[in-house]
């Protein structure tokens, strides 16, 4: 079993307050976030951006794993995750994550690529964590 952690500290009321987030690796170290960064387009990070980063990186690794199991060697996998945050009667919720993938894999046929891309979406640990609709658009490049 592997454990990873991050720590968030919030100070003040929701709209006027601010927080910091730090990761175990130190890559994020007291990185600031706020209501304005999350909901009003102010530059800086927010929880949904961090979820998108986690999902895109996890998916790229999961696809690489699936390809390797089939004997394929990807030259490049570029995964982009777009997180949708919607307001509903219960409050805000992440309702969808769109994965867009471009991959260069010598000798790979389109049908096999689509099959493996879909399998990676289903088996990626971050995909399995999400209680949201997760969609995928995958393109094989030459």
Protein backbone atom coordinates (compact mmCIF):
# COMPACT_ATOMS: atom_id res chain seq x y z
CA UNK A 1 0.00 0.00 0.00
CA UNK A 2 1.26 3.45 -0.91
CA UNK A 3 0.20 6.61 0.88
CA UNK A 4 0.68 10.15 -0.43
CA UNK A 5 -0.38 13.32 1.26
CA UNK A 6 -0.99 16.98 0.74
CA UNK A 7 -1.88 19.61 3.31
CA UNK A 8 -4.24 22.53 2.86
CA UNK A 9 -4.62 25.44 5.29
CA UNK A 10 -7.50 27.91 4.93
CA UNK A 11 -7.75 31.22 6.76
CA UNK A 12 -10.82 33.44 6.91
CA UNK A 13 -14.27 33.49 5.38
CA UNK A 14 -14.90 31.84 2.03
CA UNK A 15 -14.93 34.89 -0.28
CA UNK A 16 -12.40 37.05 1.56
CA UNK A 17 -10.17 34.29 2.87
CA UNK A 18 -7.32 32.41 1.27
CA UNK A 19 -5.53 29.14 1.63
CA UNK A 20 -2.27 27.39 0.91
CA UNK A 21 -1.65 23.87 -0.28
CA UNK A 22 1.57 21.88 0.08
CA UNK A 23 2.47 18.45 -1.25
CA UNK A 24 4.61 15.73 0.24
CA UNK A 25 7.15 16.08 -2.58
CA UNK A 26 7.50 19.81 -1.96
CA UNK A 27 6.55 20.60 -5.55
CA UNK A 28 3.73 22.68 -4.11
CA UNK A 29 4.89 24.49 -1.01
CA UNK A 30 2.37 26.80 0.59
CA UNK A 31 0.95 27.53 -2.87
CA UNK A 32 -1.84 30.06 -2.52
CA UNK A 33 -5.45 29.47 -3.57
CA UNK A 34 -8.63 31.46 -3.00
CA UNK A 35 -12.29 31.92 -3.91
CA UNK A 36 -11.30 34.39 -6.65
CA UNK A 37 -8.84 31.90 -8.14
CA UNK A 38 -11.44 29.18 -8.09
CA UNK A 39 -14.56 31.02 -9.21
CA UNK A 40 -13.63 34.42 -10.60
CA UNK A 41 -10.77 33.71 -13.00
CA UNK A 42 -8.01 35.25 -10.90
CA UNK A 43 -4.65 33.72 -11.90
CA UNK A 44 -3.40 30.94 -9.66
CA UNK A 45 -4.23 27.38 -8.80
CA UNK A 46 -7.44 25.84 -7.49
CA UNK A 47 -8.63 22.37 -6.51
CA UNK A 48 -10.12 21.60 -9.94
CA UNK A 49 -6.83 22.43 -11.68
CA UNK A 50 -5.03 20.08 -9.30
CA UNK A 51 -7.57 17.32 -10.02
CA UNK A 52 -7.07 17.88 -13.75
CA UNK A 53 -3.28 17.62 -13.34
CA UNK A 54 -3.64 14.42 -11.31
CA UNK A 55 -6.03 12.85 -13.80
CA UNK A 56 -4.04 13.78 -16.92
CA UNK A 57 -0.78 12.46 -15.50
CA UNK A 58 -2.37 9.29 -14.12
CA UNK A 59 -4.14 8.59 -17.41
CA UNK A 60 -0.95 9.02 -19.47
CA UNK A 61 0.79 6.47 -17.23
CA UNK A 62 -2.17 4.05 -17.39
CA UNK A 63 -2.22 4.24 -21.19
CA UNK A 64 1.53 3.66 -21.33
CA UNK A 65 1.04 0.59 -19.14
CA UNK A 66 -1.74 -0.79 -21.37
CA UNK A 67 0.36 -0.20 -24.48
CA UNK A 68 3.35 -1.92 -22.89
CA UNK A 69 1.24 -4.95 -22.03
CA UNK A 70 0.51 -5.23 -25.76
CA UNK A 71 4.18 -4.86 -26.72
CA UNK A 72 3.75 -1.30 -28.05
CA UNK A 73 6.25 1.42 -27.28
CA UNK A 74 4.77 4.91 -27.31
CA UNK A 75 7.02 7.73 -28.41
CA UNK A 76 4.74 10.33 -26.87
CA UNK A 77 1.44 10.51 -25.00
CA UNK A 78 -0.08 13.92 -24.35
CA UNK A 79 -3.11 13.85 -22.07
CA UNK A 80 -5.22 16.88 -21.16
CA UNK A 81 -7.95 16.69 -18.53
CA UNK A 82 -10.64 19.37 -18.40
CA UNK A 83 -12.61 19.41 -15.16
CA UNK A 84 -16.16 20.83 -15.18
CA UNK A 85 -17.41 22.35 -11.93
CA UNK A 86 -21.17 22.98 -11.94
CA UNK A 87 -23.53 24.45 -9.38
CA UNK A 88 -26.57 22.34 -8.62
CA UNK A 89 -29.21 22.60 -5.86
CA UNK A 90 -26.90 20.85 -3.37
CA UNK A 91 -23.97 23.17 -4.12
CA UNK A 92 -20.97 22.82 -6.39
CA UNK A 93 -19.87 19.49 -7.83
CA UNK A 94 -17.34 18.20 -10.32
CA UNK A 95 -19.73 16.79 -12.91
CA UNK A 96 -17.46 15.85 -15.77
CA UNK A 97 -13.87 15.33 -16.76
CA UNK A 98 -12.97 15.36 -20.44
CA UNK A 99 -9.78 13.54 -21.32
CA UNK A 100 -8.19 14.52 -24.63
CA UNK A 101 -5.29 12.34 -25.67
CA UNK A 102 -2.80 12.52 -28.53
CA UNK A 103 -0.34 9.69 -28.89
CA UNK A 104 2.46 8.75 -31.25
CA UNK A 105 2.91 4.97 -31.26
CA UNK A 106 4.82 3.44 -34.17
CA UNK A 107 2.99 0.51 -35.77
CA UNK A 108 -0.21 0.96 -33.76
CA UNK A 109 -3.51 0.43 -35.55
CA UNK A 110 -6.36 2.86 -34.81
CA UNK A 111 -8.82 0.22 -33.59
CA UNK A 112 -6.29 -1.25 -31.15
CA UNK A 113 -5.34 2.22 -29.93
CA UNK A 114 -8.98 3.14 -29.26
CA UNK A 115 -9.50 -0.11 -27.32
CA UNK A 116 -6.42 0.45 -25.16
CA UNK A 117 -7.21 4.15 -24.65
CA UNK A 118 -10.69 3.22 -23.38
CA UNK A 119 -9.27 0.52 -21.09
CA UNK A 120 -6.80 3.02 -19.63
CA UNK A 121 -9.67 5.44 -18.90
CA UNK A 122 -11.48 2.73 -16.96
CA UNK A 123 -8.46 1.45 -15.02
CA UNK A 124 -6.57 4.66 -14.23
CA UNK A 125 -6.66 4.98 -10.41
CA UNK A 126 -7.77 8.62 -10.59
CA UNK A 127 -10.58 7.70 -13.01
CA UNK A 128 -11.71 5.07 -10.57
CA UNK A 129 -11.70 7.61 -7.76
CA UNK A 130 -13.98 10.09 -9.48
CA UNK A 131 -17.74 10.11 -8.96
CA UNK A 132 -18.25 12.03 -12.16
CA UNK A 133 -18.84 11.33 -15.80
CA UNK A 134 -15.46 10.87 -17.46
CA UNK A 135 -15.29 11.20 -21.22
CA UNK A 136 -12.40 10.53 -23.56
CA UNK A 137 -11.29 11.74 -26.98
CA UNK A 138 -8.17 9.92 -28.15
CA UNK A 139 -6.17 10.57 -31.34
CA UNK A 140 -3.38 8.46 -32.72
CA UNK A 141 -0.81 10.56 -34.53
CA UNK A 142 1.81 9.43 -36.97
